[in-house]
Each structure stands twice: as C-alpha cells, then as structure tokens.
Amino acid sequence: MGSTLFLVPFLVLVVFFLLSGIFTVKQQTSAIVERFGKFLSGRSSGLHFKIPFVDRIAGRINLKIQQLDVLVETKTKDDVFVKLKISVQFQVLKEKVYDAFYKLENPHDQITSYVFDVVRAEVPKMKLDDVFERKDDVAIAVKKELNDAMINYGYDIIKTLVTDIDPDLTGKGGHEPY
C-alpha cells in the first residue's frame, strides 16, 4: 500500500512531463522554439515535440498573406492636397521566419513608414490629373522600395495598390474653409 501511494503521484508527474513536451502548430503558421532563450528552430504545421522546461515556444508567426491599408496625405505639384489609400499585401517567407520574428519589432509600422516615404517623394512631382493617370506608377514605386527593404526582415511584398485618391479641393490640407 505504501509503494502505491508513492507510485501514483510519480506516474502523474511523468505523464504531465511527457505531455508538456507535445505541441501542435496550425496550418499557415510557424512556431518559434527557443532552448534556454536561444533560437532553436522554426516549426511548421503539425504535431511537434520539445524538451519540457528546456525548450519553449517563444511565439508564432502568421504565414498567410496579410493586407495593410495606409492613408497618406500629401501635396501635388499644383498645390492640391490629396489623400491616397495604399493597400499593401505581404507575407512572411517560410525560409526567413527567424528574420521576421527577431529582426523587426513591428512590421506594420515599418511598412507604413516606407509607404509614407515613397508616396511623399513621388506625388509632389505630379499634378493632380497625373496622380490619377499614374497611380499604377506610384504603386510600383512603393512595391519596389518596400520589397528591397522588407526582404531583409523576412517579408515578401506581394502587391501594392492605390485603392483610393481623394483630392482636397478646399486647398486647406484637409480643413474646411472658414
């Protein structure tokens, strides 16, 4: 009787220990596994094992295509304020999960900064009518600049689109006339 009192809690601890080493990763997701705080591997979808209390799941990264909409207000060559809505479609590259997780704290803010930079460099060179006619050129310039910058962080820019152009015909930069 005394040995079974010791055996039951021991078996419960062994089962708990073994079960804490099993984890699953959802489809289109990657789990980042660290051993004692150092990157060990990125695990793709399925059932996986880790050493309990030694390995830990530091985080998970979404591998699906995501969309970020950025609203940029700038001035055209003919002094008209215009608001452009730029839609950026991007995804984490499976082979660069490490870079996407560890190199960049907030990818949405980084992408937004690059979109602002490119749009505010391109649109002021154009007249209002040219902005409408050459919106694809603006989208291509944004995609090229973003791809060049974000590939280093493990992100691929799939597509950029200028989805809306809203000129402010009051001439006050978004403010109503007095």
N, C-alpha and C. Protein backbone atom coordinates (compact mmCIF):
# COMPACT_ATOMS: atom_id res chain seq x y z
N MET A 1 0.83 -1.20 0.00
CA MET A 1 0.00 0.00 0.00
C MET A 1 0.86 1.25 0.00
N GLY A 2 1.94 1.27 0.75
CA GLY A 2 2.82 2.43 0.83
C GLY A 2 3.52 2.73 -0.48
N SER A 3 3.85 1.69 -1.24
CA SER A 3 4.53 1.91 -2.52
C SER A 3 3.58 2.48 -3.57
N THR A 4 2.28 2.15 -3.52
CA THR A 4 1.34 2.71 -4.48
C THR A 4 1.06 4.18 -4.19
N LEU A 5 1.13 4.59 -2.93
CA LEU A 5 0.96 6.00 -2.61
C LEU A 5 2.08 6.84 -3.22
N PHE A 6 3.25 6.26 -3.29
CA PHE A 6 4.38 6.95 -3.92
C PHE A 6 4.32 6.86 -5.44
N LEU A 7 3.86 5.73 -5.96
CA LEU A 7 3.86 5.46 -7.40
C LEU A 7 2.84 6.32 -8.15
N VAL A 8 1.67 6.54 -7.62
CA VAL A 8 0.62 7.31 -8.31
C VAL A 8 1.06 8.76 -8.57
N PRO A 9 1.52 9.49 -7.56
CA PRO A 9 1.97 10.86 -7.85
C PRO A 9 3.17 10.88 -8.81
N PHE A 10 4.04 9.90 -8.70
CA PHE A 10 5.20 9.83 -9.60
C PHE A 10 4.74 9.63 -11.05
N LEU A 11 3.79 8.72 -11.27
CA LEU A 11 3.26 8.49 -12.62
C LEU A 11 2.54 9.72 -13.16
N VAL A 12 1.81 10.42 -12.30
CA VAL A 12 1.13 11.65 -12.72
C VAL A 12 2.16 12.68 -13.16
N LEU A 13 3.26 12.82 -12.41
CA LEU A 13 4.32 13.76 -12.78
C LEU A 13 4.99 13.36 -14.10
N VAL A 14 5.23 12.10 -14.31
CA VAL A 14 5.85 11.61 -15.56
C VAL A 14 4.93 11.90 -16.74
N VAL A 15 3.64 11.60 -16.60
CA VAL A 15 2.69 11.86 -17.68
C VAL A 15 2.60 13.36 -17.96
N PHE A 16 2.53 14.17 -16.93
CA PHE A 16 2.50 15.63 -17.11
C PHE A 16 3.76 16.11 -17.82
N PHE A 17 4.92 15.58 -17.43
CA PHE A 17 6.20 15.95 -18.04
C PHE A 17 6.21 15.62 -19.53
N LEU A 18 5.75 14.41 -19.87
CA LEU A 18 5.73 13.99 -21.28
C LEU A 18 4.73 14.82 -22.09
N LEU A 19 3.56 15.07 -21.54
CA LEU A 19 2.54 15.84 -22.26
C LEU A 19 2.94 17.30 -22.45
N SER A 20 3.73 17.85 -21.53
CA SER A 20 4.14 19.25 -21.68
C SER A 20 5.18 19.40 -22.79
N GLY A 21 5.67 18.31 -23.32
CA GLY A 21 6.64 18.36 -24.42
C GLY A 21 5.99 18.24 -25.79
N ILE A 22 4.68 18.07 -25.83
CA ILE A 22 3.96 17.91 -27.09
C ILE A 22 3.24 19.21 -27.41
N PHE A 23 3.33 19.65 -28.67
CA PHE A 23 2.58 20.84 -29.09
C PHE A 23 2.23 20.73 -30.57
N THR A 24 1.23 21.48 -30.98
CA THR A 24 0.82 21.50 -32.39
C THR A 24 0.97 22.90 -32.94
N VAL A 25 1.15 22.96 -34.24
CA VAL A 25 1.25 24.23 -34.96
C VAL A 25 0.18 24.21 -36.04
N LYS A 26 -0.64 25.25 -36.09
CA LYS A 26 -1.72 25.34 -37.07
C LYS A 26 -1.17 25.54 -38.48
N GLN A 27 -2.02 25.22 -39.45
CA GLN A 27 -1.70 25.43 -40.86
C GLN A 27 -1.40 26.91 -41.12
N GLN A 28 -0.45 27.22 -42.00
CA GLN A 28 -0.05 28.57 -42.37
C GLN A 28 0.46 29.37 -41.18
N THR A 29 1.10 28.67 -40.24
CA THR A 29 1.70 29.29 -39.07
C THR A 29 3.05 28.63 -38.83
N SER A 30 3.94 29.36 -38.22
CA SER A 30 5.23 28.81 -37.82
C SER A 30 5.45 29.14 -36.34
N ALA A 31 5.89 28.13 -35.59
CA ALA A 31 6.18 28.34 -34.16
C ALA A 31 7.68 28.50 -33.99
N ILE A 32 8.09 29.48 -33.21
CA ILE A 32 9.49 29.74 -32.92
C ILE A 32 9.83 29.03 -31.61
N VAL A 33 10.78 28.09 -31.67
CA VAL A 33 11.17 27.33 -30.48
C VAL A 33 12.56 27.79 -30.05
N GLU A 34 12.69 28.12 -28.76
CA GLU A 34 13.96 28.53 -28.18
C GLU A 34 14.39 27.51 -27.14
N ARG A 35 15.69 27.31 -27.05
CA ARG A 35 16.26 26.46 -26.00
C ARG A 35 17.11 27.35 -25.11
N PHE A 36 16.71 27.48 -23.85
CA PHE A 36 17.37 28.36 -22.88
C PHE A 36 17.52 29.78 -23.43
N GLY A 37 16.47 30.26 -24.13
CA GLY A 37 16.45 31.63 -24.63
C GLY A 37 17.14 31.84 -25.96
N LYS A 38 17.72 30.81 -26.55
CA LYS A 38 18.39 30.93 -27.85
C LYS A 38 17.54 30.24 -28.91
N PHE A 39 17.46 30.85 -30.09
CA PHE A 39 16.67 30.27 -31.18
C PHE A 39 17.12 28.84 -31.47
N LEU A 40 16.17 27.92 -31.50
CA LEU A 40 16.45 26.54 -31.83
C LEU A 40 15.95 26.21 -33.23
N SER A 41 14.66 26.52 -33.50
CA SER A 41 14.10 26.22 -34.82
C SER A 41 12.75 26.90 -35.00
N GLY A 42 12.36 26.96 -36.26
CA GLY A 42 11.01 27.38 -36.62
C GLY A 42 10.26 26.13 -37.04
N ARG A 43 9.16 25.84 -36.41
CA ARG A 43 8.42 24.60 -36.70
C ARG A 43 7.18 24.92 -37.53
N SER A 44 6.97 24.14 -38.57
CA SER A 44 5.82 24.33 -39.45
C SER A 44 4.62 23.55 -38.90
N SER A 45 3.52 23.56 -39.65
CA SER A 45 2.28 22.96 -39.16
C SER A 45 2.43 21.47 -38.87
N GLY A 46 1.71 21.03 -37.83
CA GLY A 46 1.70 19.62 -37.46
C GLY A 46 1.96 19.42 -35.98
N LEU A 47 2.21 18.15 -35.62
CA LEU A 47 2.48 17.75 -34.25
C LEU A 47 3.99 17.76 -34.02
N HIS A 48 4.44 18.37 -32.92
CA HIS A 48 5.87 18.50 -32.64
C HIS A 48 6.16 18.17 -31.17
N PHE A 49 7.45 17.94 -30.92
CA PHE A 49 7.90 17.64 -29.56
C PHE A 49 9.01 18.61 -29.17
N LYS A 50 9.05 18.94 -27.90
CA LYS A 50 10.11 19.78 -27.35
C LYS A 50 10.49 19.21 -25.98
N ILE A 51 11.66 19.57 -25.51
CA ILE A 51 12.09 19.11 -24.20
C ILE A 51 11.45 20.03 -23.15
N PRO A 52 10.60 19.47 -22.28
CA PRO A 52 9.92 20.30 -21.28
C PRO A 52 10.93 21.00 -20.36
N PHE A 53 10.62 22.25 -20.02
CA PHE A 53 11.40 23.09 -19.12
C PHE A 53 12.76 23.50 -19.71
N VAL A 54 13.11 23.00 -20.88
CA VAL A 54 14.36 23.37 -21.55
C VAL A 54 14.03 24.19 -22.80
N ASP A 55 13.11 23.67 -23.60
CA ASP A 55 12.65 24.36 -24.80
C ASP A 55 11.35 25.07 -24.50
N ARG A 56 11.14 26.19 -25.18
CA ARG A 56 9.87 26.90 -25.03
C ARG A 56 9.47 27.49 -26.37
N ILE A 57 8.18 27.67 -26.54
CA ILE A 57 7.66 28.32 -27.74
C ILE A 57 7.68 29.82 -27.47
N ALA A 58 8.57 30.52 -28.17
CA ALA A 58 8.75 31.95 -27.95
C ALA A 58 7.64 32.76 -28.61
N GLY A 59 7.05 32.21 -29.66
CA GLY A 59 5.98 32.91 -30.36
C GLY A 59 5.58 32.16 -31.61
N ARG A 60 4.58 32.70 -32.26
CA ARG A 60 4.09 32.11 -33.51
C ARG A 60 3.98 33.21 -34.55
N ILE A 61 4.26 32.85 -35.79
CA ILE A 61 4.21 33.82 -36.88
C ILE A 61 3.19 33.36 -37.92
N ASN A 62 2.35 34.29 -38.35
CA ASN A 62 1.34 34.03 -39.37
C ASN A 62 2.01 34.03 -40.74
N LEU A 63 1.83 32.95 -41.51
CA LEU A 63 2.42 32.86 -42.85
C LEU A 63 1.42 33.18 -43.95
N LYS A 64 0.21 33.56 -43.58
CA LYS A 64 -0.81 33.91 -44.58
C LYS A 64 -0.49 35.28 -45.19
N ILE A 65 -1.05 35.51 -46.36
CA ILE A 65 -0.93 36.84 -46.97
C ILE A 65 -1.80 37.79 -46.15
N GLN A 66 -1.20 38.91 -45.75
CA GLN A 66 -1.88 39.91 -44.94
C GLN A 66 -1.99 41.21 -45.73
N GLN A 67 -2.93 42.04 -45.36
CA GLN A 67 -3.09 43.34 -46.03
C GLN A 67 -3.04 44.46 -45.01
N LEU A 68 -2.31 45.49 -45.37
CA LEU A 68 -2.22 46.69 -44.55
C LEU A 68 -2.64 47.87 -45.41
N ASP A 69 -3.61 48.64 -44.94
CA ASP A 69 -4.06 49.84 -45.66
C ASP A 69 -3.44 51.06 -44.99
N VAL A 70 -2.81 51.90 -45.81
CA VAL A 70 -2.12 53.09 -45.32
C VAL A 70 -2.74 54.31 -46.00
N LEU A 71 -3.15 55.30 -45.20
CA LEU A 71 -3.72 56.53 -45.72
C LEU A 71 -2.65 57.62 -45.63
N VAL A 72 -2.27 58.16 -46.80
CA VAL A 72 -1.20 59.16 -46.86
C VAL A 72 -1.77 60.46 -47.43
N GLU A 73 -1.50 61.56 -46.73
CA GLU A 73 -1.89 62.86 -47.25
C GLU A 73 -0.63 63.60 -47.68
N THR A 74 -0.66 64.12 -48.90
CA THR A 74 0.48 64.86 -49.42
C THR A 74 -0.02 65.92 -50.39
N LYS A 75 0.91 66.71 -50.90
CA LYS A 75 0.57 67.83 -51.78
C LYS A 75 1.10 67.53 -53.17
N THR A 76 0.31 67.86 -54.19
CA THR A 76 0.74 67.66 -55.58
C THR A 76 1.54 68.88 -56.06
N LYS A 77 2.07 68.75 -57.26
CA LYS A 77 2.88 69.82 -57.87
C LYS A 77 2.07 71.11 -58.06
N ASP A 78 0.76 70.94 -58.30
CA ASP A 78 -0.10 72.12 -58.49
C ASP A 78 -0.80 72.53 -57.18
N ASP A 79 -0.16 72.26 -56.04
CA ASP A 79 -0.58 72.71 -54.72
C ASP A 79 -1.97 72.24 -54.29
N VAL A 80 -2.34 71.04 -54.63
CA VAL A 80 -3.59 70.46 -54.18
C VAL A 80 -3.25 69.35 -53.18
N PHE A 81 -3.86 69.40 -52.00
CA PHE A 81 -3.67 68.31 -51.05
C PHE A 81 -4.49 67.11 -51.50
N VAL A 82 -3.89 65.94 -51.40
CA VAL A 82 -4.56 64.73 -51.85
C VAL A 82 -4.29 63.61 -50.83
N LYS A 83 -5.33 62.82 -50.59
CA LYS A 83 -5.20 61.66 -49.70
C LYS A 83 -5.21 60.41 -50.57
N LEU A 84 -4.19 59.58 -50.41
CA LEU A 84 -4.10 58.33 -51.15
C LEU A 84 -4.20 57.17 -50.17
N LYS A 85 -5.02 56.20 -50.51
CA LYS A 85 -5.10 54.97 -49.72
C LYS A 85 -4.30 53.91 -50.47
N ILE A 86 -3.25 53.44 -49.82
CA ILE A 86 -2.36 52.44 -50.40
C ILE A 86 -2.60 51.13 -49.66
N SER A 87 -2.92 50.08 -50.40
CA SER A 87 -3.09 48.74 -49.82
C SER A 87 -1.85 47.92 -50.13
N VAL A 88 -1.24 47.39 -49.09
CA VAL A 88 -0.02 46.59 -49.24
C VAL A 88 -0.34 45.16 -48.81
N GLN A 89 -0.12 44.22 -49.73
CA GLN A 89 -0.30 42.80 -49.42
C GLN A 89 1.07 42.19 -49.24
N PHE A 90 1.28 41.52 -48.10
CA PHE A 90 2.60 40.98 -47.78
C PHE A 90 2.47 39.67 -47.02
N GLN A 91 3.59 38.93 -46.97
CA GLN A 91 3.62 37.72 -46.17
C GLN A 91 5.03 37.41 -45.71
N VAL A 92 5.13 36.62 -44.65
CA VAL A 92 6.42 36.17 -44.14
C VAL A 92 6.89 35.02 -45.02
N LEU A 93 8.16 35.07 -45.41
CA LEU A 93 8.75 33.97 -46.17
C LEU A 93 9.06 32.81 -45.23
N LYS A 94 8.65 31.60 -45.59
CA LYS A 94 8.84 30.43 -44.72
C LYS A 94 10.31 30.23 -44.36
N GLU A 95 11.18 30.47 -45.32
CA GLU A 95 12.61 30.23 -45.07
C GLU A 95 13.27 31.37 -44.29
N LYS A 96 12.52 32.44 -44.01
CA LYS A 96 13.08 33.57 -43.27
C LYS A 96 12.27 33.89 -42.01
N VAL A 97 11.72 32.86 -41.40
CA VAL A 97 10.93 33.04 -40.18
C VAL A 97 11.78 33.65 -39.06
N TYR A 98 13.03 33.23 -38.96
CA TYR A 98 13.94 33.77 -37.94
C TYR A 98 14.04 35.29 -38.08
N ASP A 99 14.30 35.77 -39.30
CA ASP A 99 14.44 37.21 -39.53
C ASP A 99 13.15 37.95 -39.20
N ALA A 100 12.02 37.40 -39.62
CA ALA A 100 10.73 38.06 -39.39
C ALA A 100 10.41 38.16 -37.90
N PHE A 101 10.81 37.17 -37.13
CA PHE A 101 10.48 37.17 -35.70
C PHE A 101 11.45 38.01 -34.87
N TYR A 102 12.74 37.94 -35.19
CA TYR A 102 13.75 38.56 -34.33
C TYR A 102 14.26 39.92 -34.80
N LYS A 103 14.19 40.22 -36.08
CA LYS A 103 14.82 41.44 -36.58
C LYS A 103 13.91 42.66 -36.57
N LEU A 104 12.60 42.45 -36.55
CA LEU A 104 11.69 43.58 -36.68
C LEU A 104 10.63 43.52 -35.59
N GLU A 105 10.54 44.57 -34.80
CA GLU A 105 9.59 44.61 -33.69
C GLU A 105 8.15 44.78 -34.18
N ASN A 106 7.94 45.72 -35.10
CA ASN A 106 6.58 46.00 -35.56
C ASN A 106 6.58 46.19 -37.08
N PRO A 107 6.32 45.13 -37.84
CA PRO A 107 6.36 45.23 -39.31
C PRO A 107 5.34 46.20 -39.89
N HIS A 108 4.17 46.32 -39.26
CA HIS A 108 3.16 47.25 -39.80
C HIS A 108 3.65 48.69 -39.75
N ASP A 109 4.29 49.08 -38.66
CA ASP A 109 4.83 50.44 -38.57
C ASP A 109 5.94 50.66 -39.59
N GLN A 110 6.79 49.66 -39.78
CA GLN A 110 7.89 49.77 -40.74
C GLN A 110 7.35 49.93 -42.16
N ILE A 111 6.37 49.09 -42.53
CA ILE A 111 5.77 49.17 -43.86
C ILE A 111 5.11 50.53 -44.05
N THR A 112 4.38 50.99 -43.04
CA THR A 112 3.71 52.29 -43.11
C THR A 112 4.73 53.41 -43.35
N SER A 113 5.86 53.36 -42.66
CA SER A 113 6.90 54.39 -42.83
C SER A 113 7.44 54.42 -44.26
N TYR A 114 7.68 53.25 -44.82
CA TYR A 114 8.18 53.20 -46.20
C TYR A 114 7.14 53.70 -47.19
N VAL A 115 5.87 53.36 -46.98
CA VAL A 115 4.81 53.83 -47.87
C VAL A 115 4.75 55.37 -47.82
N PHE A 116 4.76 55.95 -46.61
CA PHE A 116 4.75 57.41 -46.48
C PHE A 116 5.93 58.02 -47.21
N ASP A 117 7.11 57.45 -47.02
CA ASP A 117 8.33 57.97 -47.63
C ASP A 117 8.24 57.99 -49.16
N VAL A 118 7.82 56.89 -49.74
CA VAL A 118 7.76 56.78 -51.21
C VAL A 118 6.67 57.68 -51.78
N VAL A 119 5.48 57.64 -51.19
CA VAL A 119 4.37 58.45 -51.71
C VAL A 119 4.70 59.94 -51.61
N ARG A 120 5.30 60.35 -50.50
CA ARG A 120 5.63 61.77 -50.33
C ARG A 120 6.84 62.19 -51.17
N ALA A 121 7.55 61.23 -51.73
CA ALA A 121 8.62 61.55 -52.68
C ALA A 121 8.10 61.58 -54.11
N GLU A 122 7.12 60.76 -54.44
CA GLU A 122 6.63 60.64 -55.82
C GLU A 122 5.52 61.63 -56.17
N VAL A 123 4.50 61.73 -55.32
CA VAL A 123 3.31 62.53 -55.65
C VAL A 123 3.61 64.02 -55.80
N PRO A 124 4.46 64.64 -54.97
CA PRO A 124 4.72 66.07 -55.16
C PRO A 124 5.37 66.43 -56.51
N LYS A 125 5.84 65.45 -57.25
CA LYS A 125 6.40 65.69 -58.59
C LYS A 125 5.31 65.72 -59.66
N MET A 126 4.08 65.35 -59.29
CA MET A 126 2.99 65.22 -60.25
C MET A 126 1.90 66.26 -60.01
N LYS A 127 1.20 66.60 -61.09
CA LYS A 127 -0.01 67.41 -60.97
C LYS A 127 -1.15 66.47 -60.60
N LEU A 128 -2.25 67.04 -60.12
CA LEU A 128 -3.38 66.24 -59.64
C LEU A 128 -3.86 65.25 -60.71
N ASP A 129 -4.04 65.73 -61.94
CA ASP A 129 -4.51 64.83 -63.01
C ASP A 129 -3.53 63.68 -63.24
N ASP A 130 -2.23 63.96 -63.12
CA ASP A 130 -1.22 62.92 -63.31
C ASP A 130 -1.27 61.86 -62.21
N VAL A 131 -1.65 62.27 -61.01
CA VAL A 131 -1.76 61.32 -59.91
C VAL A 131 -2.81 60.25 -60.25
N PHE A 132 -3.94 60.71 -60.80
CA PHE A 132 -4.98 59.75 -61.19
C PHE A 132 -4.50 58.86 -62.34
N GLU A 133 -3.84 59.47 -63.33
CA GLU A 133 -3.39 58.72 -64.50
C GLU A 133 -2.24 57.77 -64.19
N ARG A 134 -1.38 58.16 -63.27
CA ARG A 134 -0.17 57.37 -62.99
C ARG A 134 -0.19 56.71 -61.63
N LYS A 135 -1.38 56.36 -61.16
CA LYS A 135 -1.49 55.73 -59.85
C LYS A 135 -0.77 54.38 -59.83
N ASP A 136 -0.75 53.68 -60.97
CA ASP A 136 -0.02 52.40 -61.04
C ASP A 136 1.49 52.61 -60.89
N ASP A 137 2.00 53.72 -61.40
CA ASP A 137 3.42 54.03 -61.24
C ASP A 137 3.76 54.26 -59.76
N VAL A 138 2.86 54.91 -59.06
CA VAL A 138 3.06 55.13 -57.62
C VAL A 138 3.07 53.78 -56.90
N ALA A 139 2.12 52.92 -57.24
CA ALA A 139 2.03 51.59 -56.61
C ALA A 139 3.29 50.77 -56.89
N ILE A 140 3.80 50.83 -58.11
CA ILE A 140 5.01 50.09 -58.48
C ILE A 140 6.22 50.62 -57.71
N ALA A 141 6.31 51.94 -57.58
CA ALA A 141 7.42 52.54 -56.83
C ALA A 141 7.38 52.12 -55.35
N VAL A 142 6.17 52.09 -54.78
CA VAL A 142 6.02 51.67 -53.39
C VAL A 142 6.42 50.21 -53.24
N LYS A 143 5.94 49.36 -54.15
CA LYS A 143 6.27 47.92 -54.07
C LYS A 143 7.77 47.69 -54.18
N LYS A 144 8.43 48.36 -55.11
CA LYS A 144 9.87 48.16 -55.29
C LYS A 144 10.63 48.58 -54.03
N GLU A 145 10.33 49.75 -53.52
CA GLU A 145 11.02 50.25 -52.33
C GLU A 145 10.76 49.34 -51.12
N LEU A 146 9.50 48.93 -50.95
CA LEU A 146 9.15 48.06 -49.83
C LEU A 146 9.83 46.70 -49.94
N ASN A 147 9.79 46.12 -51.15
CA ASN A 147 10.41 44.80 -51.33
C ASN A 147 11.89 44.84 -51.03
N ASP A 148 12.57 45.87 -51.53
CA ASP A 148 14.02 46.00 -51.29
C ASP A 148 14.33 46.08 -49.79
N ALA A 149 13.48 46.78 -49.05
CA ALA A 149 13.73 46.97 -47.62
C ALA A 149 13.27 45.78 -46.78
N MET A 150 12.08 45.27 -47.06
CA MET A 150 11.46 44.27 -46.19
C MET A 150 11.99 42.85 -46.40
N ILE A 151 12.60 42.57 -47.53
CA ILE A 151 13.14 41.22 -47.78
C ILE A 151 14.22 40.90 -46.75
N ASN A 152 14.94 41.92 -46.28
CA ASN A 152 15.98 41.72 -45.26
C ASN A 152 15.39 41.31 -43.92
N TYR A 153 14.10 41.57 -43.72
CA TYR A 153 13.42 41.23 -42.48
C TYR A 153 12.54 39.99 -42.62
N GLY A 154 12.63 39.31 -43.76
CA GLY A 154 11.87 38.08 -43.96
C GLY A 154 10.47 38.27 -44.52
N TYR A 155 10.17 39.46 -45.05
CA TYR A 155 8.85 39.73 -45.58
C TYR A 155 8.91 39.90 -47.09
N ASP A 156 7.91 39.35 -47.78
CA ASP A 156 7.79 39.49 -49.22
C ASP A 156 6.56 40.37 -49.48
N ILE A 157 6.75 41.40 -50.28
CA ILE A 157 5.64 42.28 -50.65
C ILE A 157 5.01 41.68 -51.91
N ILE A 158 3.80 41.22 -51.80
CA ILE A 158 3.11 40.55 -52.90
C ILE A 158 2.59 41.57 -53.91
N LYS A 159 1.89 42.58 -53.41
CA LYS A 159 1.26 43.56 -54.29
C LYS A 159 1.01 44.85 -53.52
N THR A 160 1.13 45.97 -54.20
CA THR A 160 0.70 47.24 -53.64
C THR A 160 -0.29 47.88 -54.62
N LEU A 161 -1.33 48.44 -54.08
CA LEU A 161 -2.37 49.06 -54.90
C LEU A 161 -2.73 50.43 -54.35
N VAL A 162 -2.94 51.37 -55.25
CA VAL A 162 -3.52 52.66 -54.86
C VAL A 162 -5.02 52.46 -55.00
N THR A 163 -5.70 52.29 -53.88
CA THR A 163 -7.12 51.93 -53.93
C THR A 163 -8.06 53.13 -53.85
N ASP A 164 -7.52 54.30 -53.45
CA ASP A 164 -8.38 55.48 -53.39
C ASP A 164 -7.53 56.73 -53.48
N ILE A 165 -8.02 57.70 -54.25
CA ILE A 165 -7.38 59.01 -54.36
C ILE A 165 -8.47 60.04 -54.07
N ASP A 166 -8.24 60.85 -53.03
CA ASP A 166 -9.24 61.81 -52.60
C ASP A 166 -8.62 63.21 -52.55
N PRO A 167 -8.85 64.02 -53.59
CA PRO A 167 -8.29 65.37 -53.57
C PRO A 167 -9.09 66.28 -52.63
N ASP A 168 -8.37 67.16 -51.95
CA ASP A 168 -9.00 68.15 -51.09
C ASP A 168 -9.11 69.43 -51.90
N LEU A 169 -10.28 69.67 -52.43
CA LEU A 169 -10.48 70.81 -53.33
C LEU A 169 -10.65 72.13 -52.59
N THR A 170 -10.65 72.09 -51.24
CA THR A 170 -10.74 73.33 -50.48
C THR A 170 -9.39 74.04 -50.47
N GLY A 171 -8.32 73.27 -50.70
CA GLY A 171 -6.99 73.85 -50.74
C GLY A 171 -6.40 74.13 -49.37
N LYS A 172 -7.03 73.65 -48.32
CA LYS A 172 -6.56 73.93 -46.97
C LYS A 172 -5.92 72.72 -46.31
N GLY A 173 -5.64 71.65 -47.07
CA GLY A 173 -4.99 70.50 -46.48
C GLY A 173 -5.87 69.74 -45.50
N GLY A 174 -7.11 69.47 -45.89
CA GLY A 174 -7.98 68.67 -45.05
C GLY A 174 -8.85 69.48 -44.12
N HIS A 175 -8.74 70.80 -44.14
CA HIS A 175 -9.56 71.63 -43.27
C HIS A 175 -10.64 72.33 -44.08
N GLU A 176 -11.79 72.44 -43.51
CA GLU A 176 -12.88 73.15 -44.19
C GLU A 176 -12.62 74.64 -44.21
N PRO A 177 -13.10 75.35 -45.25
CA PRO A 177 -12.88 76.80 -45.29
C PRO A 177 -13.65 77.49 -44.16
N TYR A 178 -13.14 78.63 -43.72
CA TYR A 178 -13.73 79.35 -42.58
C TYR A 178 -15.00 80.06 -42.93
